[in-house]
Protein backbone atom coordinates (compact mmCIF):
# COMPACT_ATOMS: atom_id res chain seq x y z
CA UNK A 1 22.82 0.63 1.07
CA UNK A 2 24.64 -2.60 0.18
CA UNK A 3 23.72 -4.27 3.47
CA UNK A 4 20.11 -3.18 3.21
CA UNK A 5 19.40 -4.09 -0.44
CA UNK A 6 16.38 -6.21 0.50
CA UNK A 7 14.20 -3.38 1.85
CA UNK A 8 12.81 -2.10 -1.48
CA UNK A 9 12.03 -5.66 -2.60
CA UNK A 10 10.43 -6.56 0.73
CA UNK A 11 8.39 -3.36 0.78
CA UNK A 12 7.11 -3.89 -2.75
CA UNK A 13 6.22 -7.49 -1.92
CA UNK A 14 4.31 -6.39 1.19
CA UNK A 15 2.47 -3.67 -0.77
CA UNK A 16 1.50 -6.15 -3.45
CA UNK A 17 0.46 -8.80 -0.94
CA UNK A 18 -1.70 -6.29 0.88
CA UNK A 19 -3.38 -5.48 -2.43
CA UNK A 20 -4.06 -9.17 -3.05
CA UNK A 21 -5.76 -9.50 0.33
CA UNK A 22 -7.74 -6.32 -0.29
CA UNK A 23 -9.05 -7.77 -3.54
CA UNK A 24 -9.81 -11.07 -1.83
CA UNK A 25 -11.70 -9.22 0.91
CA UNK A 26 -13.70 -7.33 -1.70
CA UNK A 27 -14.56 -10.56 -3.48
CA UNK A 28 -15.57 -12.25 -0.23
CA UNK A 29 -17.91 -9.46 0.87
CA UNK A 30 -19.49 -9.24 -2.59
CA UNK A 31 -20.20 -12.99 -2.46
CA UNK A 32 -21.58 -12.86 1.10
CA UNK A 33 -18.65 -14.61 2.76
CA UNK A 34 -18.36 -12.32 5.78
CA UNK A 35 -15.93 -14.39 7.85
CA UNK A 36 -13.53 -14.75 4.93
CA UNK A 37 -13.93 -11.02 4.26
CA UNK A 38 -13.02 -10.27 7.87
CA UNK A 39 -9.98 -12.55 7.70
CA UNK A 40 -8.78 -11.09 4.39
CA UNK A 41 -9.17 -7.49 5.52
CA UNK A 42 -7.52 -8.17 8.88
CA UNK A 43 -4.62 -9.78 7.01
CA UNK A 44 -4.40 -6.81 4.62
CA UNK A 45 -4.26 -4.45 7.61
CA UNK A 46 -1.60 -6.54 9.35
CA UNK A 47 0.52 -6.72 6.19
CA UNK A 48 0.15 -2.96 5.73
CA UNK A 49 1.33 -2.44 9.31
CA UNK A 50 4.38 -4.65 8.68
CA UNK A 51 5.00 -2.71 5.45
CA UNK A 52 4.83 0.63 7.26
CA UNK A 53 7.26 -0.60 9.91
CA UNK A 54 9.65 -1.92 7.26
CA UNK A 55 9.37 1.26 5.18
CA UNK A 56 10.08 3.59 8.10
CA UNK A 57 12.95 1.34 9.22
CA UNK A 58 14.43 1.41 5.71
CA UNK A 59 14.26 5.21 5.60
CA UNK A 60 15.95 5.49 8.99
CA UNK A 61 18.66 2.94 8.12
CA UNK A 62 19.27 3.77 4.44
CA UNK A 63 18.26 7.42 4.39
CA UNK A 64 15.51 9.39 2.72
CA UNK A 65 17.39 10.12 -0.51
CA UNK A 66 18.99 6.74 -1.08
CA UNK A 67 17.89 6.26 -4.71
CA UNK A 68 17.29 8.84 -7.43
CA UNK A 69 14.98 8.36 -10.39
CA UNK A 70 17.18 9.17 -13.36
CA UNK A 71 15.00 8.29 -16.36
CA UNK A 72 14.12 11.14 -18.70
CA UNK A 73 11.14 11.93 -20.89
CA UNK A 74 7.46 11.18 -20.28
CA UNK A 75 8.21 8.27 -17.96
CA UNK A 76 9.77 10.75 -15.52
CA UNK A 77 6.50 12.69 -15.32
CA UNK A 78 4.55 9.45 -14.92
CA UNK A 79 6.87 8.28 -12.15
CA UNK A 80 6.58 11.49 -10.17
CA UNK A 81 2.80 11.66 -10.64
CA UNK A 82 2.44 8.10 -9.35
CA UNK A 83 4.94 8.72 -6.52
CA UNK A 84 3.29 11.94 -5.34
CA UNK A 85 -0.27 10.61 -5.49
CA UNK A 86 0.86 7.39 -3.80
CA UNK A 87 2.62 9.23 -0.98
CA UNK A 88 -0.11 11.80 -0.33
CA UNK A 89 -2.92 9.26 -0.43
CA UNK A 90 -0.98 6.81 1.77
CA UNK A 91 -0.61 9.47 4.43
CA UNK A 92 -4.23 10.59 4.17
CA UNK A 93 -5.87 7.16 4.01
CA UNK A 94 -4.14 5.54 6.97
CA UNK A 95 -6.38 6.97 9.72
CA UNK A 96 -9.47 6.26 7.61
CA UNK A 97 -8.42 2.62 7.19
CA UNK A 98 -8.14 2.33 10.96
CA UNK A 99 -11.52 3.99 11.57
CA UNK A 100 -13.19 1.79 8.95
CA UNK A 101 -11.67 -1.31 10.51
CA UNK A 102 -12.68 -0.17 14.01
CA UNK A 103 -16.27 0.42 12.92
CA UNK A 104 -16.46 -3.14 11.60
CA UNK A 105 -15.00 -4.54 14.82
CA UNK A 106 -17.64 -2.66 16.80
CA UNK A 107 -20.41 -4.01 14.57
CA UNK A 108 -21.30 -0.61 13.13
CA UNK A 109 -21.66 -2.08 9.66
CA UNK A 110 -23.73 0.69 8.06
CA UNK A 111 -21.08 3.30 8.83
CA UNK A 112 -18.34 0.78 8.03
CA UNK A 113 -19.89 0.08 4.62
CA UNK A 114 -20.21 3.79 3.76
CA UNK A 115 -16.60 4.48 4.73
CA UNK A 116 -15.29 1.35 3.02
CA UNK A 117 -16.78 2.40 -0.30
CA UNK A 118 -14.42 5.38 -0.27
CA UNK A 119 -11.49 3.94 1.69
CA UNK A 120 -11.16 0.62 -0.17
CA UNK A 121 -10.36 1.96 -3.65
CA UNK A 122 -7.88 4.47 -2.25
CA UNK A 123 -6.18 1.84 -0.10
CA UNK A 124 -6.00 -0.46 -3.11
CA UNK A 125 -4.59 2.38 -5.25
CA UNK A 126 -1.89 2.99 -2.63
CA UNK A 127 -0.97 -0.70 -2.57
CA UNK A 128 -0.81 -1.00 -6.36
CA UNK A 129 1.05 2.27 -6.91
CA UNK A 130 3.60 1.24 -4.27
CA UNK A 131 4.48 -1.70 -6.48
CA UNK A 132 4.50 0.52 -9.59
CA UNK A 133 6.93 2.96 -7.93
CA UNK A 134 9.18 0.02 -7.03
CA UNK A 135 9.07 -1.39 -10.57
CA UNK A 136 9.87 1.98 -12.15
CA UNK A 137 12.62 2.87 -9.68
CA UNK A 138 14.36 -0.46 -9.12
CA UNK A 139 13.51 -2.73 -12.05
CA UNK A 140 12.67 -0.79 -15.21
CA UNK A 141 14.88 2.30 -14.72
CA UNK A 142 17.49 1.51 -12.07
CA UNK A 143 19.92 4.32 -11.36
CA UNK A 144 23.07 2.18 -11.55
């Protein structure tokens, strides 16, 4: 993993940056700034796509079990709860993000709005918990 040390840091940065653009997009739509909303959400989607590419590449290059969480006590339960919910929701939300985005592109804003009310908070949760997993695994409780 020595040659690939940057992947976890890059992936956490991309997750966090996606979350920032999601929040910006939410702010823009709530304040009636539709073009800025579109730009922010398109950027969030693009960053998420780069993240997914980087994450899959890191797992192929480094391996699936490259780092173990070794902390004990309640933080271990918290870590695995966050990790499991993050992973499951990330897998489940991805197609819904794409459908929500597609509906907006096609001008089907009523359906887009209904979907976005459910998709947005889950997508944001996935972005934020990705950073939390990184912080717990690599910064607060590193294995070495």
